[in-house]
C-alpha atoms as a PDB file:
ATOM      1  CA  MET A   1      72.123 120.728 113.975  1.00  0.00           C
ATOM      2  CA  ALA A   2      73.883 123.486 111.871  1.00  0.00           C
ATOM      3  CA  VAL A   3      77.199 122.428 110.326  1.00  0.00           C
ATOM      4  CA  LYS A   4      79.946 125.429 111.028  1.00  0.00           C
ATOM      5  CA  VAL A   5      82.072 125.678 107.827  1.00  0.00           C
ATOM      6  CA  SER A   6      85.391 128.139 107.413  1.00  0.00           C
ATOM      7  CA  ARG A   7      84.871 130.964 104.924  1.00  0.00           C
ATOM      8  CA  ALA A   8      88.984 130.168 103.385  1.00  0.00           C
ATOM      9  CA  SER A   9      88.557 126.620 102.388  1.00  0.00           C
ATOM     10  CA  GLY A  10      84.794 125.985 102.468  1.00  0.00           C
ATOM     11  CA  MET A  11      85.151 122.793 104.717  1.00  0.00           C
ATOM     12  CA  SER A  12      83.192 121.894 107.598  1.00  0.00           C
ATOM     13  CA  GLU A  13      85.346 121.950 110.976  1.00  0.00           C
ATOM     14  CA  GLN A  14      84.150 118.125 111.435  1.00  0.00           C
ATOM     15  CA  ARG A  15      85.362 117.244 107.798  1.00  0.00           C
ATOM     16  CA  ARG A  16      89.004 119.604 108.991  1.00  0.00           C
ATOM     17  CA  HIS A  17      89.196 117.635 111.823  1.00  0.00           C
ATOM     18  CA  ARG A  18      89.043 114.203 110.524  1.00  0.00           C
ATOM     19  CA  LEU A  19      91.552 115.061 107.620  1.00  0.00           C
ATOM     20  CA  ARG A  20      94.281 116.587 110.189  1.00  0.00           C
ATOM     21  CA  LEU A  21      93.102 112.783 112.064  1.00  0.00           C
ATOM     22  CA  GLU A  22      94.125 111.233 108.853  1.00  0.00           C
ATOM     23  CA  ILE A  23      97.583 113.307 108.655  1.00  0.00           C
ATOM     24  CA  SER A  24      98.666 112.281 112.210  1.00  0.00           C
ATOM     25  CA  ARG A  25      98.204 109.002 111.972  1.00  0.00           C
ATOM     26  CA  GLU A  26      99.932 108.896 108.777  1.00  0.00           C
ATOM     27  CA  ALA A  27     103.227 110.862 109.757  1.00  0.00           C
ATOM     28  CA  SER A  28     103.058 109.188 113.325  1.00  0.00           C
ATOM     29  CA  ARG A  29     104.195 105.580 111.290  1.00  0.00           C
ATOM     30  CA  LEU A  30     106.035 106.750 108.801  1.00  0.00           C
ATOM     31  CA  PHE A  31     107.921 108.637 111.939  1.00  0.00           C
ATOM     32  CA  TRP A  32     107.964 105.150 113.495  1.00  0.00           C
ATOM     33  CA  GLU A  33     109.193 103.186 110.330  1.00  0.00           C
ATOM     34  CA  HIS A  34     111.612 105.611 109.080  1.00  0.00           C
ATOM     35  CA  GLY A  35     112.413 108.146 111.799  1.00  0.00           C
ATOM     36  CA  VAL A  36     111.502 111.997 112.227  1.00  0.00           C
ATOM     37  CA  ALA A  37     114.629 113.334 109.698  1.00  0.00           C
ATOM     38  CA  ALA A  38     114.189 110.789 107.401  1.00  0.00           C
ATOM     39  CA  THR A  39     110.138 111.607 106.628  1.00  0.00           C
ATOM     40  CA  SER A  40     109.726 114.607 104.388  1.00  0.00           C
ATOM     41  CA  GLY A  41     106.256 116.407 104.038  1.00  0.00           C
ATOM     42  CA  ASP A  42     106.236 115.490 100.329  1.00  0.00           C
ATOM     43  CA  ARG A  43     106.275 111.123 101.476  1.00  0.00           C
ATOM     44  CA  ILE A  44     103.511 112.182 104.259  1.00  0.00           C
ATOM     45  CA  ALA A  45     101.752 113.847 100.988  1.00  0.00           C
ATOM     46  CA  GLU A  46     102.085 110.823  99.122  1.00  0.00           C
ATOM     47  CA  ALA A  47     100.805 108.406 102.130  1.00  0.00           C
ATOM     48  CA  VAL A  48      97.394 110.344 102.382  1.00  0.00           C
ATOM     49  CA  GLY A  49      96.897 111.342  98.685  1.00  0.00           C
ATOM     50  CA  LEU A  50      96.773 114.695  98.991  1.00  0.00           C
ATOM     51  CA  SER A  51      99.229 117.342  97.818  1.00  0.00           C
ATOM     52  CA  THR A  52     101.940 118.933  99.941  1.00  0.00           C
ATOM     53  CA  ARG A  53     100.797 121.908  99.860  1.00  0.00           C
ATOM     54  CA  THR A  54      97.582 120.542 101.842  1.00  0.00           C
ATOM     55  CA  ILE A  55      99.546 118.941 104.487  1.00  0.00           C
ATOM     56  CA  TRP A  56     101.573 122.221 104.848  1.00  0.00           C
ATOM     57  CA  ARG A  57      98.140 123.907 105.529  1.00  0.00           C
ATOM     58  CA  HIS A  58      96.978 121.739 107.770  1.00  0.00           C
ATOM     59  CA  PHE A  59     100.618 121.847 109.780  1.00  0.00           C
ATOM     60  CA  ARG A  60     103.156 124.597 109.608  1.00  0.00           C
ATOM     61  CA  SER A  61     105.432 121.794 110.935  1.00  0.00           C
ATOM     62  CA  LYS A  62     106.713 118.720 111.928  1.00  0.00           C
END
């Protein structure tokens, strides 16, 4: 079975999906604990160990 790779980032679709899921889960946890308005992209990025820029590549908005 061939793994589909995104040309822009070289990341497989499966890896991209897992990363988006991890970010979503952490963001949901932070939203629940602190509220949406009080949760920044920086805080979400820190929680998942990624750069803020990477977070915004996967999600264009909160």
